Amino acid sequence: MKRLLLAGLLAAVILPVAAQPYRKSYAVPTPTEEVLRIRRSSAWTPSTPDPVQLPASVDNSTLKFFPKVFYQQGGSCAQSSGIRYLFTYEMNRVRGLDAQASDENTYSYFFTWNFLNEGIDQGGFAEQGLNIAKQQGAMSLADFPDPTFISGYIWASGYDKYIRAMHNRVKEIFTIDATTQEGIDLARRYLYDAGNGSPHGGILSYSALANGWTFDTDYSGPSQTGYNYLLTKLATDGAHAMTIVGYDDTVEFNDGQQTHRGAFIVVNSYGEWWGDRGRYYLPYYFFLTDRTPSVLSHEFTGCSCTEYTPKVIFRVKVSYTSRNDLAFTMGVADKPYAVTPTITVQPPIAINQGGDHPMQGEYVDNGNTIELAFDFSEVADRYAGYAEPKYFLSITRSEIGKLGSGTLDAFSVVDARDADHPQTYTCELENPVPLEMGANLFSIATTALQTTSASAVSWIDNFGVPFTSPYVLRTASGKYAKFSVTDYDAGSGRLTIRYLYQHDGSRNLNSLSD
């Protein structure tokens, strides 16, 4: 009996502590120009604007599209909310899939976070990860499982993994301003039917401070959705992103003077044991009375998703010791003998990102070497008229932090614009090519130049003396050679050909003048 009593007392002491663990406080980040641009141009309005009679409550976290509540690592909350919860839900809503049925149906917040965190434990914005998913795609847990700890800041390696990610895409990123009752009602409409009459509504990401907040942990007032955690006071420190999954208009909150009705249902990323199964009520009252955006953001972020088939893919294998030195640029030109691209695109990943770490991150076997794939499809229509396109890859090496070193090991392009006859073109590299400081240009001609007849070129003057000016030849394969002729002996017919420069179609083209 004494042992049972002691166990009960220990449980009474331990459980309240476990319910609110210490978490590192993260500063409120400054919005990047990318984030500000998205917010300025993405105000959401219903596509079917006719008034709709909204139900008293909606809880989309109970639908099969929503993933399991989880415990985030480090300052990854924006990607936890934006990718793990929001993107997973919306992608599965498009496909009609069960998020918890397979790791292929839940998406990795580490995939985007590790491209955005500069290789250190810091936060960011949901829009940044969603923009990666819009331009490049998002990787599933099947291809990028949650690591057991954040140290290492892993990047995935494998062409197939990146290509599979390209099929999972954000279609649109939008913002709902919740500073007024009209904004609250707009968010409720989106949660109900996504503003287009859908049988299932969407969900939204938002941010607030989260250290020092207080809750009624045994809320027993009116509700239709049945949660017992109610926010009663805003926090004072520690930026945090969370996910709004529904609302309950019957919930009541008393501010000490009067009772207010209605609350959003929020899912946190502190595990199922936090709050009420990871959830809590957030009264509308706080959005309508608090005007400090750093304490409680009034900008809700949402997205729509789509299934996508990439048309042109760059596959790149590099070995390098400090990945934030490198920036990749894709390009194409309209002629097989072109020496520079006419159209260029930078991917949203691997652009001086990831910190002073090997390409795959720390503590990874052969971590310096990585296989990346970038989507070039967004400009495919712009060069549809190029009969003989030539593809270019530029790898710009800069010194950011400690200077790394390494090589390009492989480069190829998969051109599937003709879905029935996809083509793979490969840059022929006999050996890995060291990456020099500055831009390193590599190219692939999709059609070999044909040899044509031409008039003979005189290399001696009328007195039998070789011209001193150099010659430049372009070969049938598109390569260039620069040479001069010296030491001509007319009697023996011997001469010296002085090699000056060769451009093999894969490196920077130096000046062709002396």
Protein backbone atom coordinates (compact mmCIF):
# COMPACT_ATOMS: atom_id res chain seq x y z
CA MET A 1 0.00 0.00 0.00
CA LYS A 2 2.84 2.39 0.90
CA ARG A 3 4.56 1.61 -2.41
CA LEU A 4 1.38 2.37 -4.34
CA LEU A 5 0.92 5.65 -2.45
CA LEU A 6 4.54 6.65 -3.12
CA ALA A 7 4.15 5.85 -6.83
CA GLY A 8 1.02 8.00 -6.95
CA LEU A 9 2.81 10.92 -5.29
CA LEU A 10 5.72 10.67 -7.72
CA ALA A 11 3.33 10.65 -10.65
CA ALA A 12 1.60 13.74 -9.26
CA VAL A 13 4.95 15.51 -9.12
CA ILE A 14 6.39 14.33 -12.44
CA LEU A 15 3.44 14.63 -14.82
CA PRO A 16 2.86 18.40 -14.51
CA VAL A 17 6.56 18.99 -15.22
CA ALA A 18 6.43 16.75 -18.31
CA ALA A 19 3.41 18.64 -19.60
CA GLN A 20 5.41 21.88 -19.99
CA PRO A 21 9.09 21.02 -20.59
CA TYR A 22 11.83 23.57 -20.82
CA ARG A 23 12.43 24.60 -24.41
CA LYS A 24 15.10 26.86 -25.80
CA SER A 25 13.80 30.35 -26.50
CA TYR A 26 14.16 31.41 -30.15
CA ALA A 27 14.26 35.07 -31.16
CA VAL A 28 11.60 36.46 -33.48
CA PRO A 29 13.20 36.23 -36.95
CA THR A 30 13.21 39.13 -39.40
CA PRO A 31 11.13 38.43 -42.51
CA THR A 32 13.25 38.00 -45.63
CA GLU A 33 12.44 39.80 -48.87
CA GLU A 34 11.18 36.46 -50.19
CA VAL A 35 8.69 36.20 -47.31
CA LEU A 36 7.60 39.84 -47.63
CA ARG A 37 7.08 39.45 -51.38
CA ILE A 38 4.85 36.40 -50.86
CA ARG A 39 2.81 38.18 -48.19
CA ARG A 40 2.37 41.33 -50.28
CA SER A 41 1.04 39.46 -53.30
CA SER A 42 -0.96 36.59 -51.83
CA ALA A 43 -4.10 37.82 -50.05
CA TRP A 44 -6.64 34.99 -50.10
CA THR A 45 -10.27 35.34 -51.14
CA PRO A 46 -12.84 32.57 -51.67
CA SER A 47 -13.25 31.45 -55.27
CA THR A 48 -16.98 31.08 -54.58
CA PRO A 49 -17.66 34.31 -52.68
CA ASP A 50 -21.37 33.77 -52.06
CA PRO A 51 -22.19 33.70 -48.33
CA VAL A 52 -22.09 30.28 -46.73
CA GLN A 53 -23.77 29.22 -43.52
CA LEU A 54 -20.79 27.98 -41.49
CA PRO A 55 -21.24 25.21 -38.92
CA ALA A 56 -20.48 25.98 -35.29
CA SER A 57 -17.29 23.90 -35.37
CA VAL A 58 -14.77 22.29 -37.72
CA ASP A 59 -11.84 20.05 -36.73
CA ASN A 60 -9.73 19.01 -39.71
CA SER A 61 -7.12 17.33 -37.49
CA THR A 62 -9.49 14.38 -37.23
CA LEU A 63 -9.43 13.80 -41.00
CA LYS A 64 -7.20 11.16 -42.59
CA PHE A 65 -5.20 13.81 -44.47
CA PHE A 66 -3.66 15.09 -41.23
CA PRO A 67 -0.42 13.46 -40.01
CA LYS A 68 0.30 12.20 -36.54
CA VAL A 69 1.11 14.86 -33.94
CA PHE A 70 4.87 14.80 -33.33
CA TYR A 71 7.64 16.39 -31.28
CA GLN A 72 9.78 18.79 -33.32
CA GLN A 73 13.55 19.07 -32.98
CA GLY A 74 15.26 22.40 -32.39
CA GLY A 75 14.01 25.65 -33.90
CA SER A 76 12.29 23.90 -36.79
CA CYS A 77 8.78 25.05 -35.87
CA ALA A 78 8.10 26.98 -39.10
CA GLN A 79 8.93 23.94 -41.22
CA SER A 80 7.19 21.63 -38.74
CA SER A 81 4.02 23.63 -39.22
CA GLY A 82 4.45 24.56 -42.89
CA ILE A 83 5.70 21.24 -44.28
CA ARG A 84 4.94 18.44 -41.80
CA TYR A 85 1.41 19.60 -40.98
CA LEU A 86 0.20 22.09 -43.62
CA PHE A 87 1.83 20.68 -46.78
CA THR A 88 1.21 17.06 -45.75
CA TYR A 89 -2.47 17.77 -45.12
CA GLU A 90 -3.00 19.71 -48.36
CA MET A 91 -1.06 17.25 -50.54
CA ASN A 92 -3.07 14.34 -49.15
CA ARG A 93 -6.30 16.30 -49.55
CA VAL A 94 -5.51 16.59 -53.28
CA ARG A 95 -4.73 12.86 -53.56
CA GLY A 96 -7.33 11.57 -51.11
CA LEU A 97 -4.66 9.70 -49.15
CA ASP A 98 -4.26 8.77 -45.49
CA ALA A 99 -1.26 10.64 -44.07
CA GLN A 100 -0.67 8.04 -41.37
CA ALA A 101 -0.97 5.02 -43.65
CA SER A 102 2.53 5.36 -45.13
CA ASP A 103 5.70 7.38 -44.74
CA GLU A 104 5.28 8.24 -48.42
CA ASN A 105 2.22 10.30 -47.44
CA THR A 106 3.93 12.43 -44.78
CA TYR A 107 6.54 15.03 -45.67
CA SER A 108 9.89 15.82 -44.09
CA TYR A 109 10.27 19.15 -42.32
CA PHE A 110 14.01 18.46 -42.09
CA PHE A 111 14.24 18.44 -45.89
CA THR A 112 13.40 22.15 -46.12
CA TRP A 113 14.70 23.24 -42.70
CA ASN A 114 18.25 22.09 -43.37
CA PHE A 115 18.38 24.13 -46.57
CA LEU A 116 17.21 27.22 -44.66
CA ASN A 117 18.89 27.17 -41.24
CA GLU A 118 22.48 27.94 -42.34
CA GLY A 119 23.64 24.79 -40.59
CA ILE A 120 22.74 26.03 -37.11
CA ASP A 121 19.74 25.65 -34.81
CA GLN A 122 17.59 28.63 -35.76
CA GLY A 123 14.07 29.34 -36.96
CA GLY A 124 12.54 30.93 -40.03
CA PHE A 125 9.20 31.22 -41.81
CA ALA A 126 6.71 28.73 -43.19
CA GLU A 127 6.65 30.60 -46.52
CA GLN A 128 10.32 29.77 -47.14
CA GLY A 129 9.79 26.02 -46.99
CA LEU A 130 6.55 26.24 -48.96
CA ASN A 131 8.39 28.18 -51.67
CA ILE A 132 10.95 25.37 -51.92
CA ALA A 133 8.05 22.94 -52.27
CA LYS A 134 6.58 25.18 -54.97
CA GLN A 135 9.73 25.34 -57.10
CA GLN A 136 11.48 22.07 -56.29
CA GLY A 137 9.06 19.81 -54.42
CA ALA A 138 9.03 18.24 -50.97
CA MET A 139 10.61 14.98 -49.88
CA SER A 140 8.60 12.36 -48.03
CA LEU A 141 9.55 10.60 -44.81
CA ALA A 142 10.14 7.47 -46.88
CA ASP A 143 13.05 9.24 -48.59
CA PHE A 144 14.10 11.52 -45.72
CA PRO A 145 13.24 9.94 -42.33
CA ASP A 146 13.38 12.15 -39.26
CA PRO A 147 16.94 11.99 -37.90
CA THR A 148 17.34 11.09 -34.26
CA PHE A 149 19.06 14.41 -33.49
CA ILE A 150 19.49 17.74 -35.31
CA SER A 151 23.29 17.80 -35.18
CA GLY A 152 24.63 17.07 -38.62
CA TYR A 153 22.05 19.13 -40.56
CA ILE A 154 21.62 16.43 -43.17
CA TRP A 155 20.94 16.94 -46.89
CA ALA A 156 19.55 13.92 -48.70
CA SER A 157 21.58 12.31 -51.48
CA GLY A 158 20.16 10.43 -54.46
CA TYR A 159 18.81 11.54 -57.83
CA ASP A 160 15.68 9.41 -57.46
CA LYS A 161 14.82 10.94 -54.09
CA TYR A 162 14.92 14.48 -55.46
CA ILE A 163 12.99 13.49 -58.57
CA ARG A 164 10.25 11.84 -56.48
CA ALA A 165 10.08 15.02 -54.39
CA MET A 166 9.45 17.05 -57.56
CA HIS A 167 6.05 15.38 -57.96
CA ASN A 168 4.82 16.83 -54.62
CA ARG A 169 4.29 20.53 -55.21
CA VAL A 170 2.79 23.65 -53.74
CA LYS A 171 0.57 25.33 -56.30
CA GLU A 172 -0.11 28.59 -54.47
CA ILE A 173 0.92 30.25 -51.20
CA PHE A 174 -1.52 32.75 -49.69
CA THR A 175 -2.12 34.90 -46.63
CA ILE A 176 -5.22 35.65 -44.54
CA ASP A 177 -5.13 38.80 -42.39
CA ALA A 178 -6.86 38.11 -39.07
CA THR A 179 -6.77 41.61 -37.57
CA THR A 180 -10.56 42.03 -37.83
CA GLN A 181 -13.70 39.97 -37.37
CA GLU A 182 -13.95 39.86 -41.16
CA GLY A 183 -10.50 38.26 -41.25
CA ILE A 184 -11.49 35.76 -38.56
CA ASP A 185 -14.57 34.86 -40.60
CA LEU A 186 -12.45 34.49 -43.75
CA ALA A 187 -10.18 32.04 -41.93
CA ARG A 188 -13.22 30.11 -40.66
CA ARG A 189 -14.54 29.87 -44.22
CA TYR A 190 -11.22 28.48 -45.44
CA LEU A 191 -11.14 25.95 -42.62
CA TYR A 192 -14.67 24.88 -43.52
CA ASP A 193 -14.57 24.41 -47.32
CA ALA A 194 -11.36 26.08 -48.60
CA GLY A 195 -13.53 28.80 -50.08
CA ASN A 196 -14.52 26.70 -53.07
CA GLY A 197 -17.22 24.37 -51.80
CA SER A 198 -14.81 21.52 -51.05
CA PRO A 199 -16.19 18.79 -48.78
CA HIS A 200 -13.11 19.29 -46.60
CA GLY A 201 -11.53 22.60 -45.70
CA GLY A 202 -7.87 23.53 -45.48
CA ILE A 203 -5.59 24.32 -42.55
CA LEU A 204 -3.33 27.30 -41.78
CA SER A 205 0.03 28.13 -40.22
CA TYR A 206 0.57 31.05 -37.85
CA SER A 207 3.19 32.23 -35.35
CA ALA A 208 3.27 33.66 -31.83
CA LEU A 209 5.48 33.89 -28.78
CA ALA A 210 5.30 30.69 -26.76
CA ASN A 211 7.34 31.11 -23.58
CA GLY A 212 5.38 32.40 -20.60
CA TRP A 213 1.91 31.76 -21.98
CA THR A 214 -0.73 30.39 -19.63
CA PHE A 215 -3.54 27.89 -20.11
CA ASP A 216 -6.64 26.67 -18.44
CA THR A 217 -5.53 23.04 -18.47
CA ASP A 218 -8.93 21.77 -17.41
CA TYR A 219 -11.32 23.79 -19.52
CA SER A 220 -14.82 22.46 -18.98
CA GLY A 221 -16.88 25.18 -20.61
CA PRO A 222 -19.01 24.88 -23.72
CA SER A 223 -17.50 23.21 -26.78
CA GLN A 224 -18.48 20.93 -29.63
CA THR A 225 -14.98 19.58 -30.27
CA GLY A 226 -14.19 18.49 -26.72
CA TYR A 227 -10.67 19.77 -25.94
CA ASN A 228 -9.75 20.84 -22.41
CA TYR A 229 -6.73 23.13 -23.06
CA LEU A 230 -7.58 26.84 -23.45
CA LEU A 231 -5.06 29.66 -23.88
CA THR A 232 -5.78 32.33 -21.30
CA LYS A 233 -2.76 34.64 -21.57
CA LEU A 234 -0.35 35.41 -24.41
CA ALA A 235 3.34 34.60 -24.05
CA THR A 236 6.17 37.07 -23.49
CA ASP A 237 9.13 35.43 -25.22
CA GLY A 238 10.23 32.75 -27.66
CA ALA A 239 8.98 32.78 -31.27
CA HIS A 240 7.05 29.69 -32.35
CA ALA A 241 4.99 28.58 -35.38
CA MET A 242 1.88 26.41 -34.98
CA THR A 243 -1.01 25.14 -37.08
CA ILE A 244 -4.67 26.13 -37.05
CA VAL A 245 -6.73 23.05 -37.93
CA GLY A 246 -10.26 24.19 -37.16
CA TYR A 247 -12.50 26.33 -34.97
CA ASP A 248 -15.21 26.04 -32.35
CA ASP A 249 -17.61 28.97 -32.03
CA THR A 250 -19.11 27.63 -28.81
CA VAL A 251 -15.92 27.84 -26.72
CA GLU A 252 -16.02 30.59 -24.09
CA PHE A 253 -13.18 32.73 -22.70
CA ASN A 254 -13.50 35.28 -19.90
CA ASP A 255 -10.95 38.09 -19.89
CA GLY A 256 -11.84 39.07 -16.33
CA GLN A 257 -14.47 41.55 -17.41
CA GLN A 258 -16.68 39.77 -19.90
CA THR A 259 -17.10 36.46 -21.69
CA HIS A 260 -16.07 36.09 -25.34
CA ARG A 261 -17.13 33.25 -27.59
CA GLY A 262 -15.23 31.36 -30.23
CA ALA A 263 -11.72 29.90 -30.63
CA PHE A 264 -9.46 28.37 -33.21
CA ILE A 265 -8.23 24.81 -32.68
CA VAL A 266 -4.43 24.78 -32.79
CA VAL A 267 -2.09 21.80 -33.13
CA ASN A 268 1.35 22.24 -31.61
CA SER A 269 4.51 20.26 -32.41
CA TYR A 270 5.51 19.35 -28.83
CA GLY A 271 4.15 15.82 -28.97
CA GLU A 272 0.78 14.24 -28.19
CA TRP A 273 1.36 14.40 -24.45
CA TRP A 274 1.47 18.24 -24.55
CA GLY A 275 -1.84 20.10 -24.20
CA ASP A 276 -4.85 17.97 -25.04
CA ARG A 277 -3.43 15.39 -27.45
CA GLY A 278 -1.15 18.15 -28.76
CA ARG A 279 -4.03 20.62 -29.23
CA TYR A 280 -5.46 23.73 -27.57
CA TYR A 281 -8.09 26.40 -28.07
CA LEU A 282 -6.91 29.87 -29.13
CA PRO A 283 -9.72 32.39 -28.53
CA TYR A 284 -10.57 34.81 -31.37
CA TYR A 285 -10.43 37.48 -28.66
CA PHE A 286 -6.64 37.67 -28.76
CA PHE A 287 -6.52 38.42 -32.48
CA LEU A 288 -9.14 41.14 -32.12
CA THR A 289 -7.54 42.88 -29.12
CA ASP A 290 -3.77 42.36 -29.35
CA ARG A 291 -1.95 44.54 -31.87
CA THR A 292 1.62 43.39 -31.34
CA PRO A 293 2.52 41.20 -34.35
CA SER A 294 5.68 39.88 -32.67
CA VAL A 295 3.56 38.51 -29.81
CA LEU A 296 0.75 37.11 -31.94
CA SER A 297 0.97 37.19 -35.73
CA HIS A 298 -2.25 38.12 -37.48
CA GLU A 299 -1.03 36.71 -40.78
CA PHE A 300 -2.18 33.16 -41.41
CA THR A 301 -0.31 31.25 -44.13
CA GLY A 302 -1.99 28.65 -46.30
CA CYS A 303 -1.24 26.78 -49.48
CA SER A 304 -2.85 24.74 -52.20
CA CYS A 305 -1.05 21.72 -53.65
CA THR A 306 -0.87 19.86 -56.93
CA GLU A 307 0.56 16.70 -58.45
CA TYR A 308 3.34 17.61 -60.85
CA THR A 309 5.43 15.90 -63.52
CA PRO A 310 8.87 17.47 -64.18
CA LYS A 311 9.84 17.89 -67.82
CA VAL A 312 13.56 18.72 -67.62
CA ILE A 313 15.83 17.63 -64.76
CA PHE A 314 19.48 18.48 -64.07
CA ARG A 315 21.34 15.74 -62.19
CA VAL A 316 24.53 16.84 -60.47
CA LYS A 317 27.04 14.90 -58.40
CA VAL A 318 29.64 16.88 -56.49
CA SER A 319 32.18 16.20 -53.77
CA TYR A 320 32.87 19.23 -51.60
CA THR A 321 33.87 19.96 -48.02
CA SER A 322 31.95 23.18 -47.20
CA ARG A 323 28.64 23.31 -49.00
CA ASN A 324 27.79 26.96 -48.40
CA ASP A 325 30.61 27.91 -50.80
CA LEU A 326 28.63 26.60 -53.76
CA ALA A 327 25.79 28.07 -55.82
CA PHE A 328 24.28 26.16 -58.74
CA THR A 329 22.73 27.74 -61.85
CA MET A 330 21.04 25.88 -64.71
CA GLY A 331 20.96 27.20 -68.27
CA VAL A 332 20.21 26.47 -71.91
CA ALA A 333 21.24 27.95 -75.26
CA ASP A 334 19.75 27.63 -78.73
CA LYS A 335 22.81 26.38 -80.62
CA PRO A 336 25.07 23.36 -80.01
CA TYR A 337 28.19 25.50 -80.40
CA ALA A 338 27.05 28.22 -77.97
CA VAL A 339 29.51 29.02 -75.19
CA THR A 340 27.06 30.72 -72.79
CA PRO A 341 23.39 30.08 -71.95
CA THR A 342 20.58 32.33 -73.16
CA ILE A 343 18.17 31.30 -70.38
CA THR A 344 19.24 30.66 -66.78
CA VAL A 345 17.48 29.51 -63.60
CA GLN A 346 18.71 29.11 -60.05
CA PRO A 347 17.11 26.35 -57.98
CA PRO A 348 15.71 27.29 -54.55
CA ILE A 349 18.10 24.85 -52.86
CA ALA A 350 21.89 24.53 -52.65
CA ILE A 351 22.49 28.26 -53.18
CA ASN A 352 25.21 29.15 -50.66
CA GLN A 353 23.14 27.29 -48.04
CA GLY A 354 23.66 24.81 -45.27
CA GLY A 355 26.66 26.24 -43.41
CA ASP A 356 30.26 25.01 -43.17
CA HIS A 357 29.38 21.33 -43.48
CA PRO A 358 30.15 18.58 -46.00
CA MET A 359 27.55 18.30 -48.76
CA GLN A 360 25.45 15.69 -46.94
CA GLY A 361 26.15 17.16 -43.50
CA GLU A 362 28.26 16.04 -40.56
CA TYR A 363 28.62 12.46 -39.33
CA VAL A 364 27.61 10.90 -42.67
CA ASP A 365 29.74 8.25 -44.34
CA ASN A 366 31.25 9.75 -47.51
CA GLY A 367 29.43 12.94 -46.55
CA ASN A 368 31.40 15.17 -48.94
CA THR A 369 29.76 13.50 -51.95
CA ILE A 370 26.13 14.13 -52.86
CA GLU A 371 23.74 13.50 -55.74
CA LEU A 372 21.36 16.41 -56.29
CA ALA A 373 18.62 16.89 -58.86
CA PHE A 374 17.16 20.27 -59.85
CA ASP A 375 13.95 20.97 -61.75
CA PHE A 376 14.44 23.05 -64.92
CA SER A 377 10.87 22.61 -66.16
CA GLU A 378 9.66 26.13 -65.37
CA VAL A 379 11.41 27.50 -68.47
CA ALA A 380 10.75 24.54 -70.78
CA ASP A 381 8.14 26.47 -72.76
CA ARG A 382 10.54 29.38 -73.26
CA TYR A 383 12.98 27.29 -75.26
CA ALA A 384 10.47 24.99 -76.96
CA GLY A 385 11.63 26.40 -80.30
CA TYR A 386 15.29 25.50 -79.77
CA ALA A 387 15.91 22.74 -82.33
CA GLU A 388 19.31 21.82 -80.88
CA PRO A 389 19.42 23.00 -77.25
CA LYS A 390 22.67 23.02 -75.35
CA TYR A 391 22.45 22.70 -71.58
CA PHE A 392 24.74 24.49 -69.13
CA LEU A 393 25.54 24.03 -65.47
CA SER A 394 27.37 26.79 -63.62
CA ILE A 395 28.83 26.05 -60.19
CA THR A 396 30.01 29.26 -58.57
CA ARG A 397 32.54 28.70 -55.83
CA SER A 398 32.89 31.46 -53.24
CA GLU A 399 34.56 31.72 -49.87
CA ILE A 400 31.79 31.85 -47.28
CA GLY A 401 33.03 30.94 -43.83
CA LYS A 402 35.86 28.44 -44.12
CA LEU A 403 36.95 27.81 -47.70
CA GLY A 404 36.19 24.32 -48.89
CA SER A 405 37.43 22.33 -51.85
CA GLY A 406 36.10 19.65 -54.13
CA THR A 407 35.08 18.48 -57.57
CA LEU A 408 32.24 18.04 -60.01
CA ASP A 409 31.92 14.27 -60.41
CA ALA A 410 28.99 13.98 -62.84
CA PHE A 411 26.46 16.10 -64.71
CA SER A 412 23.55 14.97 -66.86
CA VAL A 413 20.20 16.28 -68.07
CA VAL A 414 16.99 14.28 -68.40
CA ASP A 415 14.81 15.91 -71.06
CA ALA A 416 11.32 14.42 -70.85
CA ARG A 417 9.44 17.16 -72.70
CA ASP A 418 8.44 14.42 -75.11
CA ALA A 419 7.02 12.06 -72.50
CA ASP A 420 6.99 9.13 -74.93
CA HIS A 421 10.66 9.57 -75.87
CA PRO A 422 12.62 10.99 -72.93
CA GLN A 423 16.30 11.64 -73.54
CA THR A 424 19.25 11.62 -71.16
CA TYR A 425 22.30 13.69 -72.08
CA THR A 426 25.57 13.30 -70.21
CA CYS A 427 28.54 15.60 -69.81
CA GLU A 428 31.55 13.43 -70.61
CA LEU A 429 34.05 13.83 -67.77
CA GLU A 430 37.04 11.49 -67.85
CA ASN A 431 37.82 12.36 -64.23
CA PRO A 432 36.26 14.53 -61.50
CA VAL A 433 36.90 18.19 -62.33
CA PRO A 434 38.31 20.42 -59.55
CA LEU A 435 36.10 23.42 -58.82
CA GLU A 436 38.02 26.68 -59.08
CA MET A 437 37.15 29.99 -57.43
CA GLY A 438 34.47 31.85 -59.35
CA ALA A 439 32.14 30.40 -61.96
CA ASN A 440 32.82 26.90 -63.28
CA LEU A 441 30.84 26.31 -66.48
CA PHE A 442 29.94 22.87 -67.79
CA SER A 443 27.84 22.09 -70.84
CA ILE A 444 26.13 19.32 -72.79
CA ALA A 445 25.40 19.62 -76.52
CA THR A 446 22.32 17.55 -77.35
CA THR A 447 23.28 17.34 -81.04
CA ALA A 448 26.84 16.84 -82.30
CA LEU A 449 28.07 19.42 -84.79
CA GLN A 450 28.39 18.05 -88.30
CA THR A 451 31.63 18.39 -90.27
CA THR A 452 31.27 20.62 -93.32
CA SER A 453 33.67 21.29 -96.17
CA ALA A 454 35.48 24.61 -96.21
CA SER A 455 38.21 26.34 -98.18
CA ALA A 456 41.76 25.61 -97.11
CA VAL A 457 43.30 28.18 -94.78
CA SER A 458 46.78 29.42 -95.65
CA TRP A 459 49.24 29.15 -92.83
CA ILE A 460 52.30 30.49 -94.69
CA ASP A 461 52.76 33.72 -96.60
CA ASN A 462 54.02 34.11 -100.17
CA PHE A 463 57.60 33.84 -98.96
CA GLY A 464 57.01 30.48 -97.22
CA VAL A 465 57.05 31.97 -93.72
CA PRO A 466 54.34 30.82 -91.24
CA PHE A 467 51.89 33.45 -90.08
CA THR A 468 52.48 34.38 -86.44
CA SER A 469 48.78 34.93 -85.59
CA PRO A 470 47.09 32.03 -83.78
CA TYR A 471 44.32 29.85 -85.20
CA VAL A 472 41.07 28.79 -83.55
CA LEU A 473 39.30 25.64 -84.72
CA ARG A 474 35.89 24.30 -83.77
CA THR A 475 35.63 20.54 -84.06
CA ALA A 476 32.62 18.45 -85.05
CA SER A 477 31.86 17.72 -81.39
CA GLY A 478 31.75 21.41 -80.52
CA LYS A 479 35.20 21.59 -78.90
CA TYR A 480 37.63 24.45 -79.55
CA ALA A 481 41.38 24.44 -80.03
CA LYS A 482 43.76 27.39 -80.29
CA PHE A 483 47.28 26.96 -81.72
CA SER A 484 50.05 28.67 -83.71
CA VAL A 485 52.64 27.39 -86.19
CA THR A 486 56.37 28.05 -85.66
CA ASP A 487 59.80 26.72 -86.72
CA TYR A 488 58.80 25.73 -90.24
CA ASP A 489 61.58 23.97 -92.21
CA ALA A 490 60.58 23.90 -95.88
CA GLY A 491 63.35 21.46 -96.76
CA SER A 492 62.35 18.73 -94.35
CA GLY A 493 58.70 19.70 -94.20
CA ARG A 494 58.87 19.83 -90.43
CA LEU A 495 57.12 22.45 -88.29
CA THR A 496 56.13 23.05 -84.69
CA ILE A 497 52.49 23.42 -83.68
CA ARG A 498 52.33 25.36 -80.46
CA TYR A 499 49.28 24.38 -78.39
CA LEU A 500 47.70 27.41 -76.75
CA TYR A 501 44.29 26.41 -75.40
CA GLN A 502 41.57 23.83 -75.69
CA HIS A 503 37.93 24.27 -74.64
CA ASP A 504 36.25 20.91 -74.24
CA GLY A 505 32.72 22.17 -73.78
CA SER A 506 32.77 21.57 -70.05
CA ARG A 507 34.90 24.33 -68.49
CA ASN A 508 35.05 28.12 -68.56
CA LEU A 509 35.90 29.43 -72.02
CA ASN A 510 38.95 31.61 -71.63
CA SER A 511 39.60 34.53 -73.91
CA LEU A 512 40.52 33.44 -77.42
CA SER A 513 42.88 36.34 -77.84
CA ASP A 514 46.52 36.44 -76.78
